[in-house]
């Protein structure tokens, strides 16, 4: 069972922001912005590439509700998912990083800045 499944089951504590029958949102333990929340499906899906469209159709309004609850909807926020090893995914359970609460900067991160296909 992955760490996010354990959080959903209550085996590992979390600072919950919102929850419904299908999704769970909680504060990241290593925040990269003043507000940094992880939004996950309760159903274990390894990555975005494996995500059924129907799940995303339900997850979208949940993420929007979380952003509104946190007061991020008016000024904006960043929504990120990492997919697979090259995409930087560390936990193999679909999750979105919802970041906000400040003007976010964009740092272009690539292994080889001279690569032509970026």
PDB file of N, CA and C in Angstrom:
ATOM      1  N   UNK A   1       0.851  -1.176   0.000  1.00  0.00           N
ATOM      2  CA  UNK A   1       0.000   0.000   0.000  1.00  0.00           C
ATOM      3  C   UNK A   1       0.898   1.241   0.000  1.00  0.00           C
ATOM      4  N   UNK A   2       0.630   2.197  -0.889  1.00  0.00           N
ATOM      5  CA  UNK A   2       1.470   3.393  -0.990  1.00  0.00           C
ATOM      6  C   UNK A   2       1.164   4.369   0.142  1.00  0.00           C
ATOM      7  N   UNK A   3       2.037   5.348   0.303  1.00  0.00           N
ATOM      8  CA  UNK A   3       1.896   6.311   1.399  1.00  0.00           C
ATOM      9  C   UNK A   3       0.583   7.092   1.297  1.00  0.00           C
ATOM     10  N   UNK A   4       0.151   7.429   0.086  1.00  0.00           N
ATOM     11  CA  UNK A   4      -1.098   8.179  -0.046  1.00  0.00           C
ATOM     12  C   UNK A   4      -2.305   7.310   0.297  1.00  0.00           C
ATOM     13  N   UNK A   5      -2.265   6.039  -0.046  1.00  0.00           N
ATOM     14  CA  UNK A   5      -3.341   5.128   0.346  1.00  0.00           C
ATOM     15  C   UNK A   5      -3.411   5.012   1.871  1.00  0.00           C
ATOM     16  N   UNK A   6      -2.241   5.014   2.517  1.00  0.00           N
ATOM     17  CA  UNK A   6      -2.206   4.967   3.984  1.00  0.00           C
ATOM     18  C   UNK A   6      -2.765   6.247   4.589  1.00  0.00           C
ATOM     19  N   UNK A   7      -2.530   7.376   3.957  1.00  0.00           N
ATOM     20  CA  UNK A   7      -3.103   8.649   4.426  1.00  0.00           C
ATOM     21  C   UNK A   7      -4.619   8.598   4.287  1.00  0.00           C
ATOM     22  N   UNK A   8      -5.114   8.132   3.159  1.00  0.00           N
ATOM     23  CA  UNK A   8      -6.558   8.015   2.940  1.00  0.00           C
ATOM     24  C   UNK A   8      -7.191   7.114   3.996  1.00  0.00           C
ATOM     25  N   UNK A   9      -6.516   6.012   4.322  1.00  0.00           N
ATOM     26  CA  UNK A   9      -7.041   5.058   5.298  1.00  0.00           C
ATOM     27  C   UNK A   9      -6.896   5.544   6.744  1.00  0.00           C
ATOM     28  N   UNK A  10      -6.179   6.645   6.948  1.00  0.00           N
ATOM     29  CA  UNK A  10      -5.982   7.179   8.296  1.00  0.00           C
ATOM     30  C   UNK A  10      -4.837   6.535   9.045  1.00  0.00           C
ATOM     31  N   UNK A  11      -4.051   5.699   8.368  1.00  0.00           N
ATOM     32  CA  UNK A  11      -2.909   5.053   9.006  1.00  0.00           C
ATOM     33  C   UNK A  11      -1.760   6.031   9.224  1.00  0.00           C
ATOM     34  N   UNK A  12      -1.694   7.059   8.385  1.00  0.00           N
ATOM     35  CA  UNK A  12      -0.702   8.122   8.517  1.00  0.00           C
ATOM     36  C   UNK A  12      -1.480   9.428   8.654  1.00  0.00           C
ATOM     37  N   UNK A  13      -1.167  10.232   9.668  1.00  0.00           N
ATOM     38  CA  UNK A  13      -1.917  11.481   9.849  1.00  0.00           C
ATOM     39  C   UNK A  13      -1.619  12.493   8.743  1.00  0.00           C
ATOM     40  N   UNK A  14      -2.591  13.355   8.500  1.00  0.00           N
ATOM     41  CA  UNK A  14      -2.425  14.429   7.522  1.00  0.00           C
ATOM     42  C   UNK A  14      -3.221  15.636   7.988  1.00  0.00           C
ATOM     43  N   UNK A  15      -2.893  16.769   7.418  1.00  0.00           N
ATOM     44  CA  UNK A  15      -3.613  18.006   7.696  1.00  0.00           C
ATOM     45  C   UNK A  15      -4.632  18.186   6.573  1.00  0.00           C
ATOM     46  N   UNK A  16      -5.804  17.607   6.770  1.00  0.00           N
ATOM     47  CA  UNK A  16      -6.834  17.549   5.729  1.00  0.00           C
ATOM     48  C   UNK A  16      -7.408  18.929   5.433  1.00  0.00           C
ATOM     49  N   UNK A  17      -7.616  19.178   4.141  1.00  0.00           N
ATOM     50  CA  UNK A  17      -8.257  20.404   3.680  1.00  0.00           C
ATOM     51  C   UNK A  17      -9.693  20.113   3.269  1.00  0.00           C
ATOM     52  N   UNK A  18      -9.893  19.032   2.517  1.00  0.00           N
ATOM     53  CA  UNK A  18     -11.222  18.676   2.023  1.00  0.00           C
ATOM     54  C   UNK A  18     -11.248  17.193   1.687  1.00  0.00           C
ATOM     55  N   UNK A  19     -12.472  16.659   1.685  1.00  0.00           N
ATOM     56  CA  UNK A  19     -12.645  15.240   1.375  1.00  0.00           C
ATOM     57  C   UNK A  19     -14.072  15.020   0.922  1.00  0.00           C
ATOM     58  N   UNK A  20     -14.234  14.113  -0.031  1.00  0.00           N
ATOM     59  CA  UNK A  20     -15.551  13.604  -0.366  1.00  0.00           C
ATOM     60  C   UNK A  20     -15.419  12.101  -0.587  1.00  0.00           C
ATOM     61  N   UNK A  21     -16.411  11.477  -1.182  1.00  0.00           N
ATOM     62  CA  UNK A  21     -16.371  10.024  -1.353  1.00  0.00           C
ATOM     63  C   UNK A  21     -15.234   9.556  -2.253  1.00  0.00           C
ATOM     64  N   UNK A  22     -14.786  10.405  -3.178  1.00  0.00           N
ATOM     65  CA  UNK A  22     -13.815   9.962  -4.172  1.00  0.00           C
ATOM     66  C   UNK A  22     -12.442  10.626  -4.094  1.00  0.00           C
ATOM     67  N   UNK A  23     -12.341  11.766  -3.388  1.00  0.00           N
ATOM     68  CA  UNK A  23     -11.101  12.530  -3.406  1.00  0.00           C
ATOM     69  C   UNK A  23     -10.723  13.038  -2.026  1.00  0.00           C
ATOM     70  N   UNK A  24      -9.457  13.376  -1.895  1.00  0.00           N
ATOM     71  CA  UNK A  24      -8.903  13.808  -0.602  1.00  0.00           C
ATOM     72  C   UNK A  24      -7.879  14.907  -0.888  1.00  0.00           C
ATOM     73  N   UNK A  25      -7.884  15.956  -0.108  1.00  0.00           N
ATOM     74  CA  UNK A  25      -6.914  17.040  -0.250  1.00  0.00           C
ATOM     75  C   UNK A  25      -6.304  17.327   1.118  1.00  0.00           C
ATOM     76  N   UNK A  26      -4.975  17.482   1.145  1.00  0.00           N
ATOM     77  CA  UNK A  26      -4.279  17.721   2.403  1.00  0.00           C
ATOM     78  C   UNK A  26      -3.025  18.552   2.150  1.00  0.00           C
ATOM     79  N   UNK A  27      -2.573  19.240   3.200  1.00  0.00           N
ATOM     80  CA  UNK A  27      -1.390  20.081   3.090  1.00  0.00           C
ATOM     81  C   UNK A  27      -0.139  19.232   2.896  1.00  0.00           C
ATOM     82  N   UNK A  28       0.733  19.676   1.996  1.00  0.00           N
ATOM     83  CA  UNK A  28       2.007  19.013   1.745  1.00  0.00           C
ATOM     84  C   UNK A  28       2.919  19.223   2.953  1.00  0.00           C
ATOM     85  N   UNK A  29       3.657  18.188   3.351  1.00  0.00           N
ATOM     86  CA  UNK A  29       4.553  18.309   4.514  1.00  0.00           C
ATOM     87  C   UNK A  29       5.835  19.061   4.185  1.00  0.00           C
ATOM     88  N   UNK A  30       6.083  19.294   2.894  1.00  0.00           N
ATOM     89  CA  UNK A  30       7.267  20.041   2.461  1.00  0.00           C
ATOM     90  C   UNK A  30       6.814  21.140   1.496  1.00  0.00           C
ATOM     91  N   UNK A  31       6.117  22.167   2.016  1.00  0.00           N
ATOM     92  CA  UNK A  31       5.513  23.154   1.127  1.00  0.00           C
ATOM     93  C   UNK A  31       6.522  23.958   0.316  1.00  0.00           C
ATOM     94  N   UNK A  32       6.157  24.198  -0.940  1.00  0.00           N
ATOM     95  CA  UNK A  32       6.979  24.975  -1.860  1.00  0.00           C
ATOM     96  C   UNK A  32       6.370  26.354  -2.126  1.00  0.00           C
ATOM     97  N   UNK A  33       5.295  26.675  -1.431  1.00  0.00           N
ATOM     98  CA  UNK A  33       4.604  27.961  -1.538  1.00  0.00           C
ATOM     99  C   UNK A  33       3.851  28.163  -0.230  1.00  0.00           C
ATOM    100  N   UNK A  34       3.381  29.391   0.042  1.00  0.00           N
ATOM    101  CA  UNK A  34       2.622  29.601   1.274  1.00  0.00           C
ATOM    102  C   UNK A  34       1.437  28.643   1.419  1.00  0.00           C
ATOM    103  N   UNK A  35       0.791  28.326   0.312  1.00  0.00           N
ATOM    104  CA  UNK A  35      -0.256  27.299   0.306  1.00  0.00           C
ATOM    105  C   UNK A  35       0.195  26.219  -0.668  1.00  0.00           C
ATOM    106  N   UNK A  36       0.315  25.001  -0.155  1.00  0.00           N
ATOM    107  CA  UNK A  36       0.730  23.864  -0.983  1.00  0.00           C
ATOM    108  C   UNK A  36      -0.068  22.648  -0.511  1.00  0.00           C
ATOM    109  N   UNK A  37      -1.034  22.279  -1.322  1.00  0.00           N
ATOM    110  CA  UNK A  37      -1.946  21.189  -0.999  1.00  0.00           C
ATOM    111  C   UNK A  37      -1.816  20.105  -2.055  1.00  0.00           C
ATOM    112  N   UNK A  38      -1.902  18.861  -1.624  1.00  0.00           N
ATOM    113  CA  UNK A  38      -1.941  17.725  -2.538  1.00  0.00           C
ATOM    114  C   UNK A  38      -3.382  17.262  -2.675  1.00  0.00           C
ATOM    115  N   UNK A  39      -3.805  17.024  -3.899  1.00  0.00           N
ATOM    116  CA  UNK A  39      -5.155  16.543  -4.171  1.00  0.00           C
ATOM    117  C   UNK A  39      -5.019  15.185  -4.845  1.00  0.00           C
ATOM    118  N   UNK A  40      -5.669  14.170  -4.246  1.00  0.00           N
ATOM    119  CA  UNK A  40      -5.519  12.799  -4.728  1.00  0.00           C
ATOM    120  C   UNK A  40      -6.877  12.105  -4.841  1.00  0.00           C
ATOM    121  N   UNK A  41      -6.972  11.155  -5.758  1.00  0.00           N
ATOM    122  CA  UNK A  41      -8.164  10.313  -5.758  1.00  0.00           C
ATOM    123  C   UNK A  41      -8.015   9.249  -4.671  1.00  0.00           C
ATOM    124  N   UNK A  42      -9.126   8.838  -4.104  1.00  0.00           N
ATOM    125  CA  UNK A  42      -9.074   7.750  -3.122  1.00  0.00           C
ATOM    126  C   UNK A  42      -8.796   6.416  -3.815  1.00  0.00           C
ATOM    127  N   UNK A  43      -9.216   6.303  -5.045  1.00  0.00           N
ATOM    128  CA  UNK A  43      -8.909   5.122  -5.855  1.00  0.00           C
ATOM    129  C   UNK A  43      -7.430   5.195  -6.221  1.00  0.00           C
ATOM    130  N   UNK A  44      -6.695   4.115  -6.015  1.00  0.00           N
ATOM    131  CA  UNK A  44      -5.280   4.129  -6.368  1.00  0.00           C
ATOM    132  C   UNK A  44      -5.127   4.064  -7.880  1.00  0.00           C
ATOM    133  N   UNK A  45      -4.560   5.137  -8.425  1.00  0.00           N
ATOM    134  CA  UNK A  45      -4.183   5.222  -9.830  1.00  0.00           C
ATOM    135  C   UNK A  45      -2.725   5.634  -9.807  1.00  0.00           C
ATOM    136  N   UNK A  46      -1.874   4.899 -10.495  1.00  0.00           N
ATOM    137  CA  UNK A  46      -0.432   5.112 -10.374  1.00  0.00           C
ATOM    138  C   UNK A  46       0.033   6.472 -10.894  1.00  0.00           C
ATOM    139  N   UNK A  47      -0.519   6.916 -12.013  1.00  0.00           N
ATOM    140  CA  UNK A  47      -0.029   8.159 -12.602  1.00  0.00           C
ATOM    141  C   UNK A  47      -1.086   8.753 -13.527  1.00  0.00           C
ATOM    142  N   UNK A  48      -0.838   9.965 -13.972  1.00  0.00           N
ATOM    143  CA  UNK A  48      -1.775  10.647 -14.854  1.00  0.00           C
ATOM    144  C   UNK A  48      -2.005   9.866 -16.138  1.00  0.00           C
ATOM    145  N   UNK A  49      -0.974   9.273 -16.671  1.00  0.00           N
ATOM    146  CA  UNK A  49      -1.086   8.536 -17.922  1.00  0.00           C
ATOM    147  C   UNK A  49      -2.068   7.377 -17.812  1.00  0.00           C
ATOM    148  N   UNK A  50      -2.238   6.824 -16.617  1.00  0.00           N
ATOM    149  CA  UNK A  50      -3.146   5.701 -16.390  1.00  0.00           C
ATOM    150  C   UNK A  50      -4.537   6.141 -15.935  1.00  0.00           C
ATOM    151  N   UNK A  51      -4.783   7.443 -15.864  1.00  0.00           N
ATOM    152  CA  UNK A  51      -6.019   7.961 -15.291  1.00  0.00           C
ATOM    153  C   UNK A  51      -7.174   7.908 -16.276  1.00  0.00           C
ATOM    154  N   UNK A  52      -8.274   7.259 -15.895  1.00  0.00           N
ATOM    155  CA  UNK A  52      -9.457   7.264 -16.755  1.00  0.00           C
ATOM    156  C   UNK A  52     -10.023   8.681 -16.878  1.00  0.00           C
ATOM    157  N   UNK A  53     -10.510   9.015 -18.058  1.00  0.00           N
ATOM    158  CA  UNK A  53     -11.091  10.337 -18.282  1.00  0.00           C
ATOM    159  C   UNK A  53     -12.239  10.647 -17.344  1.00  0.00           C
ATOM    160  N   UNK A  54     -13.018   9.614 -17.002  1.00  0.00           N
ATOM    161  CA  UNK A  54     -14.162   9.813 -16.109  1.00  0.00           C
ATOM    162  C   UNK A  54     -13.700  10.285 -14.720  1.00  0.00           C
ATOM    163  N   UNK A  55     -12.563   9.771 -14.284  1.00  0.00           N
ATOM    164  CA  UNK A  55     -12.030  10.176 -12.984  1.00  0.00           C
ATOM    165  C   UNK A  55     -11.636  11.650 -13.014  1.00  0.00           C
ATOM    166  N   UNK A  56     -10.966  12.076 -14.081  1.00  0.00           N
ATOM    167  CA  UNK A  56     -10.567  13.482 -14.198  1.00  0.00           C
ATOM    168  C   UNK A  56     -11.781  14.388 -14.295  1.00  0.00           C
ATOM    169  N   UNK A  57     -12.831  13.910 -14.955  1.00  0.00           N
ATOM    170  CA  UNK A  57     -14.046  14.717 -15.075  1.00  0.00           C
ATOM    171  C   UNK A  57     -14.649  14.991 -13.701  1.00  0.00           C
ATOM    172  N   UNK A  58     -14.504  14.055 -12.775  1.00  0.00           N
ATOM    173  CA  UNK A  58     -15.002  14.249 -11.413  1.00  0.00           C
ATOM    174  C   UNK A  58     -13.991  15.007 -10.548  1.00  0.00           C
ATOM    175  N   UNK A  59     -12.712  14.812 -10.827  1.00  0.00           N
ATOM    176  CA  UNK A  59     -11.667  15.424 -10.008  1.00  0.00           C
ATOM    177  C   UNK A  59     -11.562  16.932 -10.244  1.00  0.00           C
ATOM    178  N   UNK A  60     -11.832  17.353 -11.472  1.00  0.00           N
ATOM    179  CA  UNK A  60     -11.719  18.773 -11.814  1.00  0.00           C
ATOM    180  C   UNK A  60     -12.563  19.660 -10.899  1.00  0.00           C
ATOM    181  N   UNK A  61     -13.871  19.409 -10.720  1.00  0.00           N
ATOM    182  CA  UNK A  61     -14.635  20.283  -9.834  1.00  0.00           C
ATOM    183  C   UNK A  61     -14.184  20.193  -8.374  1.00  0.00           C
ATOM    184  N   UNK A  62     -13.674  19.039  -7.956  1.00  0.00           N
ATOM    185  CA  UNK A  62     -13.161  18.920  -6.586  1.00  0.00           C
ATOM    186  C   UNK A  62     -11.956  19.835  -6.401  1.00  0.00           C
ATOM    187  N   UNK A  63     -11.034  19.827  -7.359  1.00  0.00           N
ATOM    188  CA  UNK A  63      -9.861  20.695  -7.274  1.00  0.00           C
ATOM    189  C   UNK A  63     -10.300  22.156  -7.263  1.00  0.00           C
ATOM    190  N   UNK A  64     -11.268  22.508  -8.093  1.00  0.00           N
ATOM    191  CA  UNK A  64     -11.771  23.884  -8.130  1.00  0.00           C
ATOM    192  C   UNK A  64     -12.384  24.281  -6.789  1.00  0.00           C
ATOM    193  N   UNK A  65     -13.105  23.376  -6.152  1.00  0.00           N
ATOM    194  CA  UNK A  65     -13.694  23.648  -4.835  1.00  0.00           C
ATOM    195  C   UNK A  65     -12.617  23.849  -3.777  1.00  0.00           C
ATOM    196  N   UNK A  66     -11.554  23.036  -3.832  1.00  0.00           N
ATOM    197  CA  UNK A  66     -10.449  23.180  -2.884  1.00  0.00           C
ATOM    198  C   UNK A  66      -9.788  24.544  -3.074  1.00  0.00           C
ATOM    199  N   UNK A  67      -9.542  24.932  -4.315  1.00  0.00           N
ATOM    200  CA  UNK A  67      -8.934  26.236  -4.595  1.00  0.00           C
ATOM    201  C   UNK A  67      -9.808  27.365  -4.048  1.00  0.00           C
ATOM    202  N   UNK A  68     -11.104  27.236  -4.223  1.00  0.00           N
ATOM    203  CA  UNK A  68     -12.024  28.252  -3.709  1.00  0.00           C
ATOM    204  C   UNK A  68     -12.009  28.266  -2.179  1.00  0.00           C
ATOM    205  N   UNK A  69     -12.039  27.108  -1.564  1.00  0.00           N
ATOM    206  CA  UNK A  69     -12.020  27.011  -0.099  1.00  0.00           C
ATOM    207  C   UNK A  69     -10.768  27.669   0.481  1.00  0.00           C
ATOM    208  N   UNK A  70      -9.653  27.549  -0.227  1.00  0.00           N
ATOM    209  CA  UNK A  70      -8.387  28.123   0.224  1.00  0.00           C
ATOM    210  C   UNK A  70      -8.231  29.588  -0.178  1.00  0.00           C
ATOM    211  N   UNK A  71      -9.214  30.133  -0.899  1.00  0.00           N
ATOM    212  CA  UNK A  71      -9.165  31.524  -1.326  1.00  0.00           C
ATOM    213  C   UNK A  71      -8.208  31.777  -2.474  1.00  0.00           C
ATOM    214  N   UNK A  72      -7.906  30.752  -3.242  1.00  0.00           N
ATOM    215  CA  UNK A  72      -6.954  30.887  -4.351  1.00  0.00           C
ATOM    216  C   UNK A  72      -7.630  31.189  -5.685  1.00  0.00           C
ATOM    217  N   UNK A  73      -8.931  31.020  -5.751  1.00  0.00           N
ATOM    218  CA  UNK A  73      -9.627  31.135  -7.029  1.00  0.00           C
ATOM    219  C   UNK A  73      -9.604  32.548  -7.597  1.00  0.00           C
ATOM    220  N   UNK A  74      -9.577  33.569  -6.766  1.00  0.00           N
ATOM    221  CA  UNK A  74      -9.615  34.945  -7.266  1.00  0.00           C
ATOM    222  C   UNK A  74      -8.278  35.395  -7.853  1.00  0.00           C
ATOM    223  N   UNK A  75      -7.180  35.159  -7.147  1.00  0.00           N
ATOM    224  CA  UNK A  75      -5.868  35.657  -7.577  1.00  0.00           C
ATOM    225  C   UNK A  75      -5.071  34.646  -8.386  1.00  0.00           C
ATOM    226  N   UNK A  76      -5.450  33.383  -8.337  1.00  0.00           N
ATOM    227  CA  UNK A  76      -4.785  32.370  -9.147  1.00  0.00           C
ATOM    228  C   UNK A  76      -3.931  31.409  -8.342  1.00  0.00           C
ATOM    229  N   UNK A  77      -3.554  30.361  -9.008  1.00  0.00           N
ATOM    230  CA  UNK A  77      -2.776  29.287  -8.397  1.00  0.00           C
ATOM    231  C   UNK A  77      -2.113  28.479  -9.488  1.00  0.00           C
ATOM    232  N   UNK A  78      -1.223  27.612  -9.074  1.00  0.00           N
ATOM    233  CA  UNK A  78      -0.568  26.690 -10.002  1.00  0.00           C
ATOM    234  C   UNK A  78      -1.034  25.277  -9.664  1.00  0.00           C
ATOM    235  N   UNK A  79      -1.324  24.499 -10.688  1.00  0.00           N
ATOM    236  CA  UNK A  79      -1.734  23.112 -10.530  1.00  0.00           C
ATOM    237  C   UNK A  79      -0.750  22.261 -11.316  1.00  0.00           C
ATOM    238  N   UNK A  80      -0.071  21.341 -10.620  1.00  0.00           N
ATOM    239  CA  UNK A  80       1.000  20.554 -11.229  1.00  0.00           C
ATOM    240  C   UNK A  80       0.778  19.077 -10.940  1.00  0.00           C
ATOM    241  N   UNK A  81       1.019  18.246 -11.935  1.00  0.00           N
ATOM    242  CA  UNK A  81       1.152  16.820 -11.692  1.00  0.00           C
ATOM    243  C   UNK A  81       2.422  16.350 -12.393  1.00  0.00           C
ATOM    244  N   UNK A  82       3.161  15.521 -11.715  1.00  0.00           N
ATOM    245  CA  UNK A  82       4.359  14.925 -12.291  1.00  0.00           C
ATOM    246  C   UNK A  82       3.991  13.515 -12.737  1.00  0.00           C
ATOM    247  N   UNK A  83       4.417  13.151 -13.933  1.00  0.00           N
ATOM    248  CA  UNK A  83       4.037  11.858 -14.483  1.00  0.00           C
ATOM    249  C   UNK A  83       5.276  11.039 -14.821  1.00  0.00           C
ATOM    250  N   UNK A  84       5.473   9.942 -14.094  1.00  0.00           N
ATOM    251  CA  UNK A  84       6.588   9.043 -14.369  1.00  0.00           C
ATOM    252  C   UNK A  84       7.919   9.567 -13.865  1.00  0.00           C
ATOM    253  N   UNK A  85       8.908   8.741 -14.001  1.00  0.00           N
ATOM    254  CA  UNK A  85      10.248   9.040 -13.485  1.00  0.00           C
ATOM    255  C   UNK A  85      10.843  10.307 -14.102  1.00  0.00           C
ATOM    256  N   UNK A  86      10.801  10.427 -15.419  1.00  0.00           N
ATOM    257  CA  UNK A  86      11.369  11.607 -16.062  1.00  0.00           C
ATOM    258  C   UNK A  86      10.582  12.876 -15.738  1.00  0.00           C
ATOM    259  N   UNK A  87       9.321  12.715 -15.385  1.00  0.00           N
ATOM    260  CA  UNK A  87       8.493  13.861 -15.009  1.00  0.00           C
ATOM    261  C   UNK A  87       8.651  14.256 -13.559  1.00  0.00           C
ATOM    262  N   UNK A  88       9.446  13.500 -12.803  1.00  0.00           N
ATOM    263  CA  UNK A  88       9.702  13.840 -11.410  1.00  0.00           C
ATOM    264  C   UNK A  88       8.703  13.267 -10.420  1.00  0.00           C
ATOM    265  N   UNK A  89       7.904  12.289 -10.834  1.00  0.00           N
ATOM    266  CA  UNK A  89       6.922  11.697  -9.918  1.00  0.00           C
ATOM    267  C   UNK A  89       7.637  10.856  -8.867  1.00  0.00           C
ATOM    268  N   UNK A  90       7.433  11.190  -7.595  1.00  0.00           N
ATOM    269  CA  UNK A  90       8.077  10.463  -6.501  1.00  0.00           C
ATOM    270  C   UNK A  90       7.148   9.435  -5.871  1.00  0.00           C
ATOM    271  N   UNK A  91       5.871   9.760  -5.726  1.00  0.00           N
ATOM    272  CA  UNK A  91       4.891   8.828  -5.164  1.00  0.00           C
ATOM    273  C   UNK A  91       4.041   8.322  -6.315  1.00  0.00           C
ATOM    274  N   UNK A  92       3.997   7.009  -6.455  1.00  0.00           N
ATOM    275  CA  UNK A  92       3.273   6.393  -7.575  1.00  0.00           C
ATOM    276  C   UNK A  92       1.781   6.270  -7.263  1.00  0.00           C
ATOM    277  N   UNK A  93       1.164   7.416  -7.018  1.00  0.00           N
ATOM    278  CA  UNK A  93      -0.273   7.551  -6.814  1.00  0.00           C
ATOM    279  C   UNK A  93      -0.602   8.920  -7.386  1.00  0.00           C
ATOM    280  N   UNK A  94      -1.512   8.976  -8.341  1.00  0.00           N
ATOM    281  CA  UNK A  94      -1.869  10.241  -8.973  1.00  0.00           C
ATOM    282  C   UNK A  94      -2.090  11.316  -7.920  1.00  0.00           C
ATOM    283  N   UNK A  95      -1.425  12.442  -8.095  1.00  0.00           N
ATOM    284  CA  UNK A  95      -1.639  13.573  -7.199  1.00  0.00           C
ATOM    285  C   UNK A  95      -1.339  14.874  -7.914  1.00  0.00           C
ATOM    286  N   UNK A  96      -2.094  15.879  -7.538  1.00  0.00           N
ATOM    287  CA  UNK A  96      -1.901  17.215  -8.065  1.00  0.00           C
ATOM    288  C   UNK A  96      -1.412  18.107  -6.943  1.00  0.00           C
ATOM    289  N   UNK A  97      -0.410  18.911  -7.249  1.00  0.00           N
ATOM    290  CA  UNK A  97       0.083  19.924  -6.326  1.00  0.00           C
ATOM    291  C   UNK A  97      -0.683  21.207  -6.635  1.00  0.00           C
ATOM    292  N   UNK A  98      -1.370  21.735  -5.647  1.00  0.00           N
ATOM    293  CA  UNK A  98      -2.084  22.996  -5.762  1.00  0.00           C
ATOM    294  C   UNK A  98      -1.297  24.013  -4.956  1.00  0.00           C
ATOM    295  N   UNK A  99      -0.676  24.970  -5.652  1.00  0.00           N
ATOM    296  CA  UNK A  99       0.198  25.937  -4.999  1.00  0.00           C
ATOM    297  C   UNK A  99      -0.324  27.350  -5.207  1.00  0.00           C
ATOM    298  N   UNK A 100      -0.208  28.170  -4.175  1.00  0.00           N
ATOM    299  CA  UNK A 100      -0.643  29.556  -4.298  1.00  0.00           C
ATOM    300  C   UNK A 100      -0.327  30.338  -3.041  1.00  0.00           C
ATOM    301  N   UNK A 101      -0.996  31.466  -2.937  1.00  0.00           N
ATOM    302  CA  UNK A 101      -0.798  32.327  -1.780  1.00  0.00           C
ATOM    303  C   UNK A 101       0.270  33.384  -1.990  1.00  0.00           C
ATOM    304  N   UNK A 102       0.855  33.428  -3.179  1.00  0.00           N
ATOM    305  CA  UNK A 102       1.878  34.410  -3.527  1.00  0.00           C
ATOM    306  C   UNK A 102       2.037  34.422  -5.040  1.00  0.00           C
ATOM    307  N   UNK A 103       2.764  35.407  -5.534  1.00  0.00           N
ATOM    308  CA  UNK A 103       3.111  35.436  -6.953  1.00  0.00           C
ATOM    309  C   UNK A 103       4.156  34.351  -7.179  1.00  0.00           C
ATOM    310  N   UNK A 104       3.821  33.316  -7.933  1.00  0.00           N
ATOM    311  CA  UNK A 104       4.719  32.188  -8.142  1.00  0.00           C
ATOM    312  C   UNK A 104       5.661  32.461  -9.300  1.00  0.00           C
ATOM    313  N   UNK A 105       6.902  32.133  -9.104  1.00  0.00           N
ATOM    314  CA  UNK A 105       7.909  32.278 -10.159  1.00  0.00           C
ATOM    315  C   UNK A 105       7.980  30.974 -10.949  1.00  0.00           C
ATOM    316  N   UNK A 106       8.537  31.054 -12.137  1.00  0.00           N
ATOM    317  CA  UNK A 106       8.708  29.868 -12.966  1.00  0.00           C
ATOM    318  C   UNK A 106      10.192  29.692 -13.237  1.00  0.00           C
ATOM    319  N   UNK A 107      10.743  28.612 -12.751  1.00  0.00           N
ATOM    320  CA  UNK A 107      12.131  28.267 -13.029  1.00  0.00           C
ATOM    321  C   UNK A 107      12.129  27.113 -14.006  1.00  0.00           C
ATOM    322  N   UNK A 108      12.670  27.349 -15.176  1.00  0.00           N
ATOM    323  CA  UNK A 108      12.727  26.292 -16.184  1.00  0.00           C
ATOM    324  C   UNK A 108      13.769  25.275 -15.755  1.00  0.00           C
ATOM    325  N   UNK A 109      13.322  24.046 -15.561  1.00  0.00           N
ATOM    326  CA  UNK A 109      14.218  23.003 -15.084  1.00  0.00           C
ATOM    327  C   UNK A 109      14.337  21.912 -16.133  1.00  0.00           C
ATOM    328  N   UNK A 110      15.544  21.762 -16.663  1.00  0.00           N
ATOM    329  CA  UNK A 110      15.796  20.685 -17.604  1.00  0.00           C
ATOM    330  C   UNK A 110      17.167  20.107 -17.306  1.00  0.00           C
ATOM    331  N   UNK A 111      17.334  18.841 -17.588  1.00  0.00           N
ATOM    332  CA  UNK A 111      18.627  18.187 -17.354  1.00  0.00           C
ATOM    333  C   UNK A 111      19.680  18.728 -18.309  1.00  0.00           C
ATOM    334  N   UNK A 112      19.297  18.998 -19.543  1.00  0.00           N
ATOM    335  CA  UNK A 112      20.229  19.481 -20.550  1.00  0.00           C
ATOM    336  C   UNK A 112      19.629  20.710 -21.234  1.00  0.00           C
ATOM    337  N   UNK A 113      19.999  21.912 -20.805  1.00  0.00           N
ATOM    338  CA  UNK A 113      19.388  23.119 -21.371  1.00  0.00           C
ATOM    339  C   UNK A 113      19.675  23.309 -22.865  1.00  0.00           C
ATOM    340  N   UNK A 114      20.614  22.561 -23.422  1.00  0.00           N
ATOM    341  CA  UNK A 114      20.920  22.662 -24.845  1.00  0.00           C
ATOM    342  C   UNK A 114      20.106  21.668 -25.683  1.00  0.00           C
ATOM    343  N   UNK A 115      19.307  20.855 -25.013  1.00  0.00           N
ATOM    344  CA  UNK A 115      18.519  19.857 -25.735  1.00  0.00           C
ATOM    345  C   UNK A 115      17.564  20.559 -26.697  1.00  0.00           C
ATOM    346  N   UNK A 116      17.416  20.005 -27.885  1.00  0.00           N
ATOM    347  CA  UNK A 116      16.615  20.636 -28.925  1.00  0.00           C
ATOM    348  C   UNK A 116      15.126  20.389 -28.756  1.00  0.00           C
ATOM    349  N   UNK A 117      14.718  19.305 -28.105  1.00  0.00           N
ATOM    350  CA  UNK A 117      13.317  18.938 -28.041  1.00  0.00           C
ATOM    351  C   UNK A 117      12.655  19.378 -26.753  1.00  0.00           C
ATOM    352  N   UNK A 118      12.922  20.599 -26.330  1.00  0.00           N
ATOM    353  CA  UNK A 118      12.258  21.098 -25.116  1.00  0.00           C
ATOM    354  C   UNK A 118      11.524  22.389 -25.404  1.00  0.00           C
TER     355      UNK A 118
END
